[in-house]
Amino acid sequence: MEQITLGNVSVTRVWEYYGSVEMTPDTFFPESSKEVWENGADWLVPHFLDSETNIVNSAIQTWLLRSEGKTILVDTGVGNHKDRPYAPVWNRLETDFLANLARAGVRPEDVDIVINTHLHIDHVGWNTYLDERQWVPTFPNATYLMSKDDFDFWNPENGHRPLLGRGNQNVFEDSVAPVHRAGLTRLWENSHRIDANLRLDAAPGHTPGSSVLTLASGTDRAVFVGDMLHNPVQILEPDTNSCFCENPAEARATRRKVLGWAADNNALVIPAHLGGHGGTEVVREGSTFAVKGWAPFTPYTEQG
């Protein structure tokens, strides 16, 4: 199953990549305890951790939403042909993402809204594609929703020095600026209501303009959290940041706030990079949280 329905909204998972990110747990999540990985090995392996190599597994995927007649994409992955000299895993990637999107019934011109939860390398790549020697918008009829805080932070003209260093090199120039020049971006601040079912809210920490998308339709609730968490160990140890969080204190506060809301509202938590079933329900467990159950999407490794 790659599509579920929540209230009046359908949610489809569209794959770009699944596998190694060439990082061990202590590198990717330097604040995590060794015990959480050892004690959770029976459910972390194989979807979230390769036991033979001790390398973290991760998914690059786009969430396709259909709501009130609109076709909406949440994050656009890495993209093809992108020059990423300081991120070799993603350098000049070649995937069948657009074909996978077509299999979900969507052509690029059908997309009405693109949501970039933040402007990291693996969330904006398919914003554009290479047309001869020019980067042009992949989704020509879409409005691209980007946080103004992230747009300003990652704009090289503003001279910020991100924690990611050169890891995001070329990303603004080839995946953000072209759609802005084309007049397709809407830069929002604080909160943005998309329709009766969907709302974007600022969720800073991972980046200054990181955001979460809340779905509330009928009795169903879900929250698409981008990189607020990359791995289920951050549910068990919510103060654990990834090594890519720009503001660690803000990232921890945001994670606790959003996980608390999800637990109290029986909401499905859907991160950008969770392999396996793609999302989870959480419950409070003392001062932390626990996995209550998994989303019904088919794990990639079970799709053959």
Protein backbone atom coordinates (compact mmCIF):
# COMPACT_ATOMS: atom_id res chain seq x y z
CA MET A 1 0.00 0.00 0.00
CA GLU A 2 1.44 3.36 -1.03
CA GLN A 3 -1.69 5.46 -0.52
CA ILE A 4 -3.85 6.09 2.50
CA THR A 5 -6.80 8.38 3.09
CA LEU A 6 -7.01 10.68 6.09
CA GLY A 7 -10.36 12.40 6.28
CA ASN A 8 -10.83 14.05 2.89
CA VAL A 9 -7.13 13.96 1.99
CA SER A 10 -5.30 11.19 0.18
CA VAL A 11 -1.61 10.69 1.01
CA THR A 12 0.72 8.84 -1.38
CA ARG A 13 4.38 8.03 -0.89
CA VAL A 14 6.58 8.64 -3.95
CA TRP A 15 10.07 7.17 -3.70
CA GLU A 16 13.30 8.68 -4.93
CA TYR A 17 15.93 6.74 -2.96
CA TYR A 18 16.23 4.30 -0.09
CA GLY A 19 19.40 2.97 1.47
CA SER A 20 22.67 3.95 3.09
CA VAL A 21 23.48 7.55 3.91
CA GLU A 22 27.06 6.49 4.66
CA MET A 23 26.85 7.57 8.30
CA THR A 24 27.01 5.53 11.49
CA PRO A 25 24.57 6.24 14.34
CA ASP A 26 27.19 8.00 16.45
CA THR A 27 28.02 10.31 13.52
CA PHE A 28 24.49 11.01 12.36
CA PHE A 29 23.07 11.28 15.90
CA PRO A 30 26.04 12.14 18.15
CA GLU A 31 23.79 12.82 21.15
CA SER A 32 22.03 9.45 21.04
CA SER A 33 22.89 6.73 23.50
CA LYS A 34 24.51 3.49 22.42
CA GLU A 35 21.85 1.62 24.40
CA VAL A 36 18.92 2.97 22.35
CA TRP A 37 20.41 1.45 19.20
CA GLU A 38 21.31 -1.84 20.88
CA ASN A 39 18.00 -2.23 22.71
CA GLY A 40 15.98 -1.31 19.63
CA ALA A 41 17.89 -3.47 17.16
CA ASP A 42 14.96 -5.88 16.68
CA TRP A 43 12.82 -3.13 15.13
CA LEU A 44 15.45 -0.68 13.86
CA VAL A 45 16.96 -3.37 11.62
CA PRO A 46 16.71 -3.42 8.63
CA HIS A 47 14.55 -0.40 7.81
CA PHE A 48 16.48 2.17 9.81
CA LEU A 49 19.85 0.53 10.41
CA ASP A 50 22.03 -1.93 8.52
CA SER A 51 23.24 -4.35 11.19
CA GLU A 52 26.14 -5.65 9.10
CA THR A 53 27.70 -2.27 8.34
CA ASN A 54 26.29 -0.28 11.29
CA ILE A 55 25.23 2.37 8.78
CA VAL A 56 21.97 4.30 9.05
CA ASN A 57 19.40 3.67 6.32
CA SER A 58 17.24 6.52 5.14
CA ALA A 59 14.58 7.26 2.57
CA ILE A 60 14.31 10.16 0.18
CA GLN A 61 10.65 10.48 -0.65
CA THR A 62 7.97 12.98 -1.56
CA TRP A 63 4.55 12.98 0.03
CA LEU A 64 1.83 13.51 -2.57
CA LEU A 65 -1.36 14.96 -1.12
CA ARG A 66 -4.68 15.51 -2.85
CA SER A 67 -6.85 17.95 -0.95
CA GLU A 68 -9.82 20.07 -2.06
CA GLY A 69 -9.07 19.37 -5.71
CA LYS A 70 -5.41 20.39 -5.43
CA THR A 71 -2.36 18.24 -6.09
CA ILE A 72 0.31 19.00 -3.49
CA LEU A 73 3.88 17.76 -3.09
CA VAL A 74 5.63 17.86 0.28
CA ASP A 75 9.41 18.12 -0.33
CA THR A 76 11.05 17.27 -3.64
CA GLY A 77 14.10 15.20 -2.75
CA VAL A 78 17.55 15.44 -4.28
CA GLY A 79 16.91 15.73 -8.02
CA ASN A 80 18.89 14.53 -11.01
CA HIS A 81 22.11 15.91 -12.49
CA LYS A 82 22.74 18.18 -9.49
CA ASP A 83 26.38 19.02 -8.81
CA ARG A 84 26.92 18.26 -5.12
CA PRO A 85 30.71 18.15 -4.58
CA TYR A 86 30.47 18.15 -0.78
CA ALA A 87 27.64 15.60 -0.56
CA PRO A 88 28.90 12.63 -2.59
CA VAL A 89 25.87 10.44 -1.82
CA TRP A 90 23.70 12.93 -3.70
CA ASN A 91 26.18 14.07 -6.35
CA ARG A 92 24.76 13.86 -9.89
CA LEU A 93 22.09 11.42 -8.80
CA GLU A 94 20.07 9.58 -11.44
CA THR A 95 16.71 8.24 -10.30
CA ASP A 96 13.27 7.44 -11.73
CA PHE A 97 11.49 9.91 -9.49
CA LEU A 98 9.38 11.52 -12.22
CA ALA A 99 8.39 8.07 -13.48
CA ASN A 100 7.41 7.12 -9.94
CA LEU A 101 5.35 10.29 -9.73
CA ALA A 102 3.70 9.40 -13.04
CA ARG A 103 2.86 5.95 -11.67
CA ALA A 104 1.02 7.79 -8.89
CA GLY A 105 -1.02 9.51 -11.59
CA VAL A 106 0.70 12.89 -11.59
CA ARG A 107 2.45 14.74 -14.40
CA PRO A 108 4.65 17.74 -13.54
CA GLU A 109 2.10 20.14 -15.02
CA ASP A 110 -0.62 18.69 -12.76
CA VAL A 111 1.02 19.89 -9.54
CA ASP A 112 -0.66 22.90 -7.92
CA ILE A 113 1.46 23.39 -4.81
CA VAL A 114 5.00 22.40 -3.83
CA ILE A 115 5.89 22.61 -0.14
CA ASN A 116 9.55 22.75 0.82
CA THR A 117 9.60 22.08 4.56
CA HIS A 118 13.08 23.61 4.53
CA LEU A 119 15.75 24.33 1.94
CA HIS A 120 18.29 21.59 2.51
CA ILE A 121 19.89 19.68 -0.35
CA ASP A 122 17.53 16.68 -0.11
CA HIS A 123 14.26 18.61 0.07
CA VAL A 124 14.35 20.92 -2.94
CA GLY A 125 16.15 19.01 -5.69
CA TRP A 126 13.21 18.26 -7.96
CA ASN A 127 12.04 21.87 -7.74
CA THR A 128 13.98 22.17 -11.00
CA TYR A 129 15.31 20.04 -13.82
CA LEU A 130 18.05 20.54 -16.38
CA ASP A 131 16.67 21.74 -19.72
CA GLU A 132 19.72 21.72 -21.98
CA ARG A 133 21.99 24.00 -19.89
CA GLN A 134 19.35 25.80 -17.82
CA TRP A 135 17.70 24.89 -14.53
CA VAL A 136 13.97 25.42 -14.99
CA PRO A 137 10.96 24.73 -12.75
CA THR A 138 9.89 21.10 -12.86
CA PHE A 139 6.32 21.97 -11.89
CA PRO A 140 5.49 24.99 -14.06
CA ASN A 141 1.94 25.52 -12.82
CA ALA A 142 2.71 25.19 -9.11
CA THR A 143 3.10 27.69 -6.33
CA TYR A 144 6.26 26.82 -4.39
CA LEU A 145 5.76 27.50 -0.67
CA MET A 146 9.01 28.33 1.12
CA SER A 147 9.65 29.81 4.53
CA LYS A 148 11.01 33.34 4.20
CA ASP A 149 13.37 32.66 7.12
CA ASP A 150 14.95 29.74 5.27
CA PHE A 151 14.99 31.58 1.95
CA ASP A 152 16.90 34.46 3.53
CA PHE A 153 19.22 32.16 5.50
CA TRP A 154 20.29 30.06 2.51
CA ASN A 155 20.53 32.92 0.03
CA PRO A 156 24.30 33.26 -0.53
CA GLU A 157 23.92 37.00 -0.96
CA ASN A 158 23.17 37.30 2.76
CA GLY A 159 26.48 35.78 3.83
CA HIS A 160 25.26 33.37 6.51
CA ARG A 161 27.63 30.63 7.67
CA PRO A 162 25.52 27.50 8.15
CA LEU A 163 26.47 24.51 10.26
CA LEU A 164 26.21 22.44 7.10
CA GLY A 165 29.10 24.42 5.67
CA ARG A 166 29.57 23.64 2.00
CA GLY A 167 27.22 20.66 2.18
CA ASN A 168 24.43 22.78 0.70
CA GLN A 169 26.66 24.28 -2.00
CA ASN A 170 24.87 25.06 -5.30
CA VAL A 171 21.46 24.19 -3.86
CA PHE A 172 20.05 27.71 -3.67
CA GLU A 173 21.41 28.55 -7.10
CA ASP A 174 20.07 25.52 -8.98
CA SER A 175 16.97 24.51 -7.00
CA VAL A 176 15.58 27.64 -5.34
CA ALA A 177 16.58 30.76 -7.28
CA PRO A 178 15.22 29.51 -10.66
CA VAL A 179 11.68 29.06 -9.36
CA HIS A 180 11.87 32.40 -7.55
CA ARG A 181 12.99 34.17 -10.73
CA ALA A 182 10.10 32.50 -12.53
CA GLY A 183 7.69 34.12 -10.07
CA LEU A 184 6.46 30.81 -8.69
CA THR A 185 7.47 31.14 -5.03
CA ARG A 186 5.39 32.35 -2.11
CA LEU A 187 7.55 33.21 0.89
CA TRP A 188 5.51 32.81 4.06
CA GLU A 189 6.20 33.61 7.71
CA ASN A 190 4.96 32.14 11.02
CA SER A 191 1.94 30.25 9.65
CA HIS A 192 0.21 29.68 6.33
CA ARG A 193 -3.22 28.16 5.79
CA ILE A 194 -3.33 26.14 2.56
CA ASP A 195 -6.94 25.00 2.76
CA ALA A 196 -9.46 23.74 5.32
CA ASN A 197 -7.42 20.55 5.81
CA LEU A 198 -3.81 21.75 5.71
CA ARG A 199 -1.75 24.35 7.60
CA LEU A 200 1.96 25.16 7.58
CA ASP A 201 3.62 26.33 10.79
CA ALA A 202 7.12 27.47 11.61
CA ALA A 203 9.11 24.79 13.46
CA PRO A 204 12.64 26.21 13.74
CA GLY A 205 15.75 24.45 14.95
CA HIS A 206 16.88 22.09 12.25
CA THR A 207 17.10 25.20 10.08
CA PRO A 208 15.88 28.71 10.92
CA GLY A 209 12.87 28.30 8.65
CA SER A 210 12.02 24.64 9.13
CA SER A 211 8.30 24.00 9.10
CA VAL A 212 5.71 21.32 9.73
CA LEU A 213 2.53 20.65 7.80
CA THR A 214 -0.50 19.72 9.88
CA LEU A 215 -3.35 17.75 8.35
CA ALA A 216 -6.67 17.87 10.19
CA SER A 217 -9.62 16.44 8.28
CA GLY A 218 -12.67 14.90 9.92
CA THR A 219 -11.41 12.92 12.88
CA ASP A 220 -8.01 12.20 11.32
CA ARG A 221 -4.79 14.02 12.19
CA ALA A 222 -1.26 13.88 10.79
CA VAL A 223 1.81 16.06 10.87
CA PHE A 224 4.47 16.07 8.17
CA VAL A 225 7.58 17.04 10.10
CA GLY A 226 10.34 17.25 7.50
CA ASP A 227 13.66 16.80 9.28
CA MET A 228 12.36 17.46 12.78
CA LEU A 229 13.31 13.82 13.16
CA HIS A 230 15.18 11.48 10.84
CA ASN A 231 14.99 8.22 12.76
CA PRO A 232 12.67 6.60 15.36
CA VAL A 233 15.39 6.78 18.02
CA GLN A 234 14.54 10.49 18.23
CA ILE A 235 11.08 9.54 19.45
CA LEU A 236 12.54 7.47 22.28
CA GLU A 237 15.19 10.11 22.97
CA PRO A 238 13.53 13.39 21.86
CA ASP A 239 16.48 15.54 22.96
CA THR A 240 18.66 13.80 20.35
CA ASN A 241 19.43 16.00 17.38
CA SER A 242 20.93 15.02 14.08
CA CYS A 243 24.36 16.41 13.30
CA PHE A 244 22.71 18.81 10.83
CA CYS A 245 20.61 20.91 13.25
CA GLU A 246 21.51 24.60 13.04
CA ASN A 247 20.10 25.52 16.46
CA PRO A 248 20.23 22.48 18.78
CA ALA A 249 18.19 24.01 21.60
CA GLU A 250 15.41 25.12 19.27
CA ALA A 251 15.43 21.74 17.53
CA ARG A 252 14.91 19.90 20.82
CA ALA A 253 12.10 22.24 21.88
CA THR A 254 10.35 21.90 18.53
CA ARG A 255 10.62 18.11 18.58
CA ARG A 256 9.14 17.84 22.06
CA LYS A 257 6.34 20.28 21.20
CA VAL A 258 5.31 18.53 17.99
CA LEU A 259 5.62 15.00 19.38
CA GLY A 260 3.58 16.08 22.40
CA TRP A 261 0.84 17.44 20.15
CA ALA A 262 0.89 14.28 18.05
CA ALA A 263 0.62 12.04 21.12
CA ASP A 264 -2.23 14.09 22.60
CA ASN A 265 -4.16 14.20 19.31
CA ASN A 266 -3.54 10.64 18.08
CA ALA A 267 -1.84 12.11 15.02
CA LEU A 268 0.32 10.23 12.57
CA VAL A 269 3.89 11.58 12.52
CA ILE A 270 5.30 11.53 8.99
CA PRO A 271 8.96 12.57 8.65
CA ALA A 272 10.69 13.20 5.33
CA HIS A 273 13.21 10.38 5.56
CA LEU A 274 11.64 7.56 7.53
CA GLY A 275 12.03 4.25 5.72
CA GLY A 276 9.99 1.23 6.72
CA HIS A 277 6.34 2.19 7.02
CA GLY A 278 7.08 5.88 6.53
CA GLY A 279 5.30 7.20 9.61
CA THR A 280 4.25 6.35 13.13
CA GLU A 281 1.82 7.06 15.93
CA VAL A 282 3.43 8.03 19.22
CA VAL A 283 2.43 7.99 22.88
CA ARG A 284 3.85 9.75 25.88
CA GLU A 285 6.08 7.61 28.07
CA GLY A 286 7.10 9.56 31.15
CA SER A 287 9.17 12.51 29.97
CA THR A 288 9.77 10.96 26.55
CA PHE A 289 7.74 9.16 23.89
CA ALA A 290 7.30 5.70 22.43
CA VAL A 291 6.16 4.20 19.15
CA LYS A 292 2.50 3.23 19.37
CA GLY A 293 2.16 1.81 15.85
CA TRP A 294 3.36 2.23 12.29
CA ALA A 295 1.68 3.81 9.29
CA PRO A 296 0.19 1.33 6.81
CA PHE A 297 2.56 2.10 3.93
CA THR A 298 4.47 -0.87 2.54
CA PRO A 299 8.14 -0.89 3.56
CA TYR A 300 10.43 -0.37 0.60
CA THR A 301 12.40 -3.52 1.33
CA GLU A 302 9.19 -5.54 1.05
CA GLN A 303 8.33 -4.17 -2.37
CA GLY A 304 10.97 -6.25 -4.11
